């Protein structure tokens, strides 16, 4: 019984300190591993992670699930963006979703779903007949999209106004809120002449997605003809979009663990 007990103790010590087969005698005996320094110490192959290497099984400060999914499993950059939360209930975006873009998690969308929305209307302004056009994307990416605005002179009463009809500025408004504008300072000299401008929206609402009714406000100059002589008129007119714009705020995503 005493011999058996001694044999058991020896086996236990071997298990604890390693009396089994030696793994190595020198570093070259150990199998190399990517992102690990491998060395032979006390006849055992020890593996030490290399800092800053994707694949060292440590999610480091400069890594994320987009730049190194091997090391960083969470939070995942995928799925629809949560636009609002009320208690435990979450409301998800119609277009926005999380996607990896150049090793960074972004709020973005599938651009294959974009539709061009062309709007066209006629407007009578101070004895001039104008055609107003506006074309925009749906959804409208506030970070890069622009509204294409066209204004064409279709006709005018030359007994009441004289050309040129000068378009000074185009503004995109919602009530008193200026969403975007552009200085134009171009003249329409005759029937059929027109302008085409691209207006970027610089105002960004708090909501990540929002359908918004907008209008064009055009500052202009034209010469009025009357009995007392010619008079330079400075005025503006508005034209409301017949469809709402679906505005989306793309950008860097903030994911929760």
Protein backbone atom coordinates (compact mmCIF):
# COMPACT_ATOMS: atom_id res chain seq x y z
CA UNK A 1 0.00 0.00 0.00
CA UNK A 2 2.88 2.34 0.89
CA UNK A 3 4.56 1.73 -2.53
CA UNK A 4 1.31 2.45 -4.32
CA UNK A 5 0.93 5.71 -2.41
CA UNK A 6 4.47 6.81 -3.34
CA UNK A 7 3.82 5.95 -7.00
CA UNK A 8 0.61 8.00 -6.93
CA UNK A 9 2.46 11.01 -5.48
CA UNK A 10 5.10 10.78 -8.22
CA UNK A 11 2.40 10.69 -10.92
CA UNK A 12 0.68 13.70 -9.36
CA UNK A 13 3.93 15.66 -9.27
CA UNK A 14 4.58 14.80 -12.91
CA UNK A 15 1.17 16.09 -13.83
CA UNK A 16 1.73 19.35 -11.94
CA UNK A 17 5.29 20.14 -13.02
CA UNK A 18 5.38 18.34 -16.35
CA UNK A 19 7.25 15.06 -16.35
CA UNK A 20 5.84 14.05 -19.71
CA UNK A 21 7.50 14.12 -23.08
CA UNK A 22 9.55 17.22 -23.73
CA UNK A 23 8.07 19.50 -26.44
CA UNK A 24 11.32 21.07 -27.47
CA UNK A 25 15.01 21.56 -26.85
CA UNK A 26 15.37 24.81 -28.80
CA UNK A 27 13.10 27.50 -30.32
CA UNK A 28 13.26 25.95 -33.78
CA UNK A 29 11.53 22.84 -32.47
CA UNK A 30 8.31 24.84 -31.87
CA UNK A 31 5.77 25.39 -34.64
CA UNK A 32 5.62 29.04 -35.76
CA UNK A 33 2.29 30.82 -35.32
CA UNK A 34 1.11 34.03 -36.97
CA UNK A 35 0.81 36.94 -34.50
CA UNK A 36 2.56 34.98 -31.74
CA UNK A 37 6.17 34.83 -30.57
CA UNK A 38 7.01 31.16 -30.01
CA UNK A 39 9.95 30.15 -27.81
CA UNK A 40 11.22 27.02 -26.10
CA UNK A 41 11.44 27.47 -22.35
CA UNK A 42 12.08 24.60 -19.97
CA UNK A 43 11.40 22.18 -22.80
CA UNK A 44 7.92 23.64 -23.38
CA UNK A 45 6.76 25.73 -26.35
CA UNK A 46 5.44 29.04 -25.01
CA UNK A 47 3.30 31.28 -27.19
CA UNK A 48 3.26 35.04 -26.47
CA UNK A 49 0.85 37.33 -28.41
CA UNK A 50 2.43 40.02 -30.60
CA UNK A 51 0.90 43.46 -29.84
CA UNK A 52 -0.85 45.23 -32.72
CA UNK A 53 -1.21 42.10 -34.84
CA UNK A 54 -4.65 41.07 -36.12
CA UNK A 55 -4.97 37.43 -35.12
CA UNK A 56 -3.36 37.55 -31.66
CA UNK A 57 -6.79 36.78 -30.13
CA UNK A 58 -6.80 40.10 -28.23
CA UNK A 59 -9.17 42.92 -29.26
CA UNK A 60 -6.91 45.92 -28.83
CA UNK A 61 -7.80 49.63 -28.64
CA UNK A 62 -7.11 50.31 -32.33
CA UNK A 63 -9.08 47.28 -33.53
CA UNK A 64 -12.80 46.68 -34.06
CA UNK A 65 -15.06 44.07 -35.61
CA UNK A 66 -14.52 45.66 -39.05
CA UNK A 67 -10.73 46.01 -38.97
CA UNK A 68 -10.10 42.64 -37.27
CA UNK A 69 -13.03 40.26 -36.90
CA UNK A 70 -10.62 37.51 -35.78
CA UNK A 71 -9.93 39.31 -32.51
CA UNK A 72 -13.02 41.51 -32.06
CA UNK A 73 -16.25 39.52 -32.16
CA UNK A 74 -18.50 42.21 -30.65
CA UNK A 75 -20.11 44.59 -31.23
CA UNK A 76 -20.89 43.36 -34.72
CA UNK A 77 -21.30 45.92 -37.51
CA UNK A 78 -24.44 44.58 -39.16
CA UNK A 79 -28.22 44.93 -39.22
CA UNK A 80 -30.64 47.84 -39.38
CA UNK A 81 -29.89 51.03 -37.43
CA UNK A 82 -32.03 51.74 -34.37
CA UNK A 83 -33.51 55.20 -34.94
CA UNK A 84 -35.50 55.43 -31.71
CA UNK A 85 -36.06 53.48 -28.54
CA UNK A 86 -39.01 53.72 -26.16
CA UNK A 87 -38.42 51.59 -23.09
CA UNK A 88 -37.52 48.15 -24.36
CA UNK A 89 -39.11 48.74 -27.77
CA UNK A 90 -36.74 49.59 -30.61
CA UNK A 91 -37.66 51.30 -33.87
CA UNK A 92 -35.52 50.36 -36.85
CA UNK A 93 -34.55 52.45 -39.87
CA UNK A 94 -36.17 52.00 -43.25
CA UNK A 95 -32.90 52.47 -45.14
CA UNK A 96 -29.98 52.91 -42.77
CA UNK A 97 -27.95 49.91 -41.71
CA UNK A 98 -24.57 49.15 -40.21
CA UNK A 99 -21.85 48.23 -42.69
CA UNK A 100 -18.06 47.93 -42.61
CA UNK A 101 -16.49 50.55 -44.88
CA UNK A 102 -12.67 50.57 -45.10
CA UNK A 103 -12.24 48.93 -41.68
CA UNK A 104 -14.69 51.34 -40.00
CA UNK A 105 -18.29 50.70 -38.97
CA UNK A 106 -20.60 53.17 -40.72
CA UNK A 107 -24.28 54.08 -40.79
CA UNK A 108 -24.96 53.71 -44.48
CA UNK A 109 -27.42 52.12 -46.94
CA UNK A 110 -27.72 49.96 -50.01
CA UNK A 111 -27.29 52.43 -52.89
CA UNK A 112 -29.00 50.05 -55.32
CA UNK A 113 -32.37 51.08 -53.81
CA UNK A 114 -31.91 54.78 -54.71
CA UNK A 115 -34.52 56.28 -57.05
CA UNK A 116 -34.30 59.60 -58.89
CA UNK A 117 -37.37 61.77 -58.21
CA UNK A 118 -37.97 64.40 -60.94
CA UNK A 119 -40.43 67.21 -60.21
CA UNK A 120 -41.61 69.84 -62.69
CA UNK A 121 -43.99 72.76 -62.24
CA UNK A 122 -44.99 76.03 -63.91
CA UNK A 123 -44.95 79.36 -62.11
CA UNK A 124 -46.10 82.86 -63.12
CA UNK A 125 -43.88 85.53 -61.55
CA UNK A 126 -44.23 89.25 -62.31
CA UNK A 127 -45.51 88.77 -65.86
CA UNK A 128 -43.03 85.98 -66.59
CA UNK A 129 -43.87 82.33 -67.18
CA UNK A 130 -41.29 80.06 -65.59
CA UNK A 131 -40.73 76.32 -65.54
CA UNK A 132 -39.26 75.10 -62.24
CA UNK A 133 -37.60 71.71 -62.02
CA UNK A 134 -36.13 69.82 -59.07
CA UNK A 135 -34.54 66.37 -59.13
CA UNK A 136 -33.31 64.52 -56.05
CA UNK A 137 -32.49 61.06 -54.74
CA UNK A 138 -34.77 58.95 -52.59
CA UNK A 139 -33.41 58.32 -50.04
CA UNK A 140 -31.44 61.56 -49.91
CA UNK A 141 -27.99 61.17 -48.31
CA UNK A 142 -27.34 64.45 -46.48
CA UNK A 143 -23.59 63.81 -46.46
CA UNK A 144 -23.18 63.98 -50.24
CA UNK A 145 -26.38 64.29 -52.30
CA UNK A 146 -27.48 67.50 -54.00
CA UNK A 147 -30.78 68.76 -55.38
CA UNK A 148 -30.64 69.64 -59.06
CA UNK A 149 -32.67 72.82 -59.65
CA UNK A 150 -33.59 74.10 -63.11
CA UNK A 151 -35.34 77.38 -63.96
CA UNK A 152 -36.40 78.09 -67.54
CA UNK A 153 -37.98 81.26 -68.94
CA UNK A 154 -40.96 80.09 -71.03
CA UNK A 155 -42.50 83.49 -71.84
CA UNK A 156 -42.82 87.08 -70.62
CA UNK A 157 -44.86 90.22 -71.30
CA UNK A 158 -42.36 92.67 -72.81
CA UNK A 159 -44.75 95.57 -72.25
CA UNK A 160 -44.41 95.09 -68.50
CA UNK A 161 -40.93 93.63 -67.92
CA UNK A 162 -37.54 93.89 -69.58
CA UNK A 163 -34.87 91.28 -69.75
CA UNK A 164 -32.51 90.23 -68.29
CA UNK A 165 -34.20 88.21 -65.57
CA UNK A 166 -31.39 87.74 -63.05
CA UNK A 167 -31.50 84.87 -60.59
CA UNK A 168 -29.50 85.91 -57.53
CA UNK A 169 -29.82 83.03 -55.09
CA UNK A 170 -31.56 79.68 -54.62
CA UNK A 171 -32.54 78.62 -51.11
CA UNK A 172 -34.06 75.37 -49.89
CA UNK A 173 -36.30 76.03 -46.90
CA UNK A 174 -38.62 74.36 -44.43
CA UNK A 175 -40.60 77.19 -42.91
CA UNK A 176 -37.96 79.55 -41.50
CA UNK A 177 -35.25 76.87 -41.42
CA UNK A 178 -32.62 77.17 -44.14
CA UNK A 179 -31.61 73.68 -45.30
CA UNK A 180 -29.22 74.83 -47.99
CA UNK A 181 -28.51 77.60 -50.48
CA UNK A 182 -26.33 78.62 -53.39
CA UNK A 183 -25.40 81.98 -54.90
CA UNK A 184 -26.26 81.99 -58.61
CA UNK A 185 -26.06 85.50 -60.13
CA UNK A 186 -26.95 84.34 -63.63
CA UNK A 187 -29.13 86.10 -66.21
CA UNK A 188 -31.89 84.75 -68.46
CA UNK A 189 -31.90 86.94 -71.57
CA UNK A 190 -34.61 85.44 -73.76
CA UNK A 191 -37.41 82.91 -73.96
CA UNK A 192 -36.03 79.38 -73.72
CA UNK A 193 -32.95 80.31 -71.69
CA UNK A 194 -32.46 78.72 -68.31
CA UNK A 195 -30.11 77.71 -65.54
CA UNK A 196 -29.20 74.46 -63.81
CA UNK A 197 -27.73 74.49 -60.30
CA UNK A 198 -26.94 71.86 -57.67
CA UNK A 199 -27.84 72.68 -54.08
CA UNK A 200 -26.35 70.75 -51.15
CA UNK A 201 -28.32 70.61 -47.90
CA UNK A 202 -26.11 71.71 -45.01
CA UNK A 203 -28.73 71.62 -42.25
CA UNK A 204 -29.02 68.19 -40.66
CA UNK A 205 -32.04 67.34 -38.50
CA UNK A 206 -31.53 65.39 -35.28
CA UNK A 207 -33.42 62.38 -36.62
CA UNK A 208 -31.35 59.77 -38.47
CA UNK A 209 -34.19 59.36 -40.98
CA UNK A 210 -36.88 61.92 -41.69
CA UNK A 211 -39.42 62.69 -44.40
CA UNK A 212 -39.41 66.46 -44.83
CA UNK A 213 -41.52 68.88 -46.85
CA UNK A 214 -39.27 71.50 -48.45
CA UNK A 215 -39.63 74.47 -50.75
CA UNK A 216 -37.47 76.49 -53.12
CA UNK A 217 -37.11 80.21 -52.48
CA UNK A 218 -35.59 82.17 -55.37
CA UNK A 219 -34.15 85.68 -55.04
CA UNK A 220 -34.22 87.55 -58.35
CA UNK A 221 -33.99 90.91 -60.13
CA UNK A 222 -35.93 92.15 -63.16
CA UNK A 223 -36.72 95.53 -64.71
CA UNK A 224 -40.37 96.59 -64.57
CA UNK A 225 -41.79 98.87 -67.26
CA UNK A 226 -44.28 101.52 -66.17
CA UNK A 227 -45.44 105.04 -67.08
CA UNK A 228 -42.91 106.67 -64.77
CA UNK A 229 -39.97 104.84 -66.36
CA UNK A 230 -38.11 101.62 -65.86
CA UNK A 231 -37.72 100.35 -62.30
CA UNK A 232 -35.36 97.63 -61.04
CA UNK A 233 -37.37 95.15 -58.96
CA UNK A 234 -35.69 92.94 -56.36
CA UNK A 235 -37.97 90.23 -55.03
CA UNK A 236 -38.31 86.51 -54.37
CA UNK A 237 -40.78 83.73 -55.03
CA UNK A 238 -41.36 80.27 -53.56
CA UNK A 239 -42.21 76.89 -55.02
CA UNK A 240 -43.05 73.98 -52.72
CA UNK A 241 -41.85 70.49 -53.62
CA UNK A 242 -44.82 68.31 -54.55
CA UNK A 243 -43.14 65.34 -52.81
CA UNK A 244 -41.37 65.10 -49.49
CA UNK A 245 -37.67 64.33 -49.37
CA UNK A 246 -36.63 61.23 -47.41
CA UNK A 247 -33.54 62.53 -45.60
CA UNK A 248 -31.01 60.16 -44.08
CA UNK A 249 -27.99 60.91 -41.88
CA UNK A 250 -25.13 58.60 -42.79
CA UNK A 251 -21.86 58.64 -40.88
CA UNK A 252 -19.63 56.96 -38.34
CA UNK A 253 -21.59 54.42 -36.28
CA UNK A 254 -21.59 54.26 -32.50
CA UNK A 255 -22.21 50.66 -31.51
CA UNK A 256 -23.07 49.43 -28.05
CA UNK A 257 -21.43 46.33 -26.60
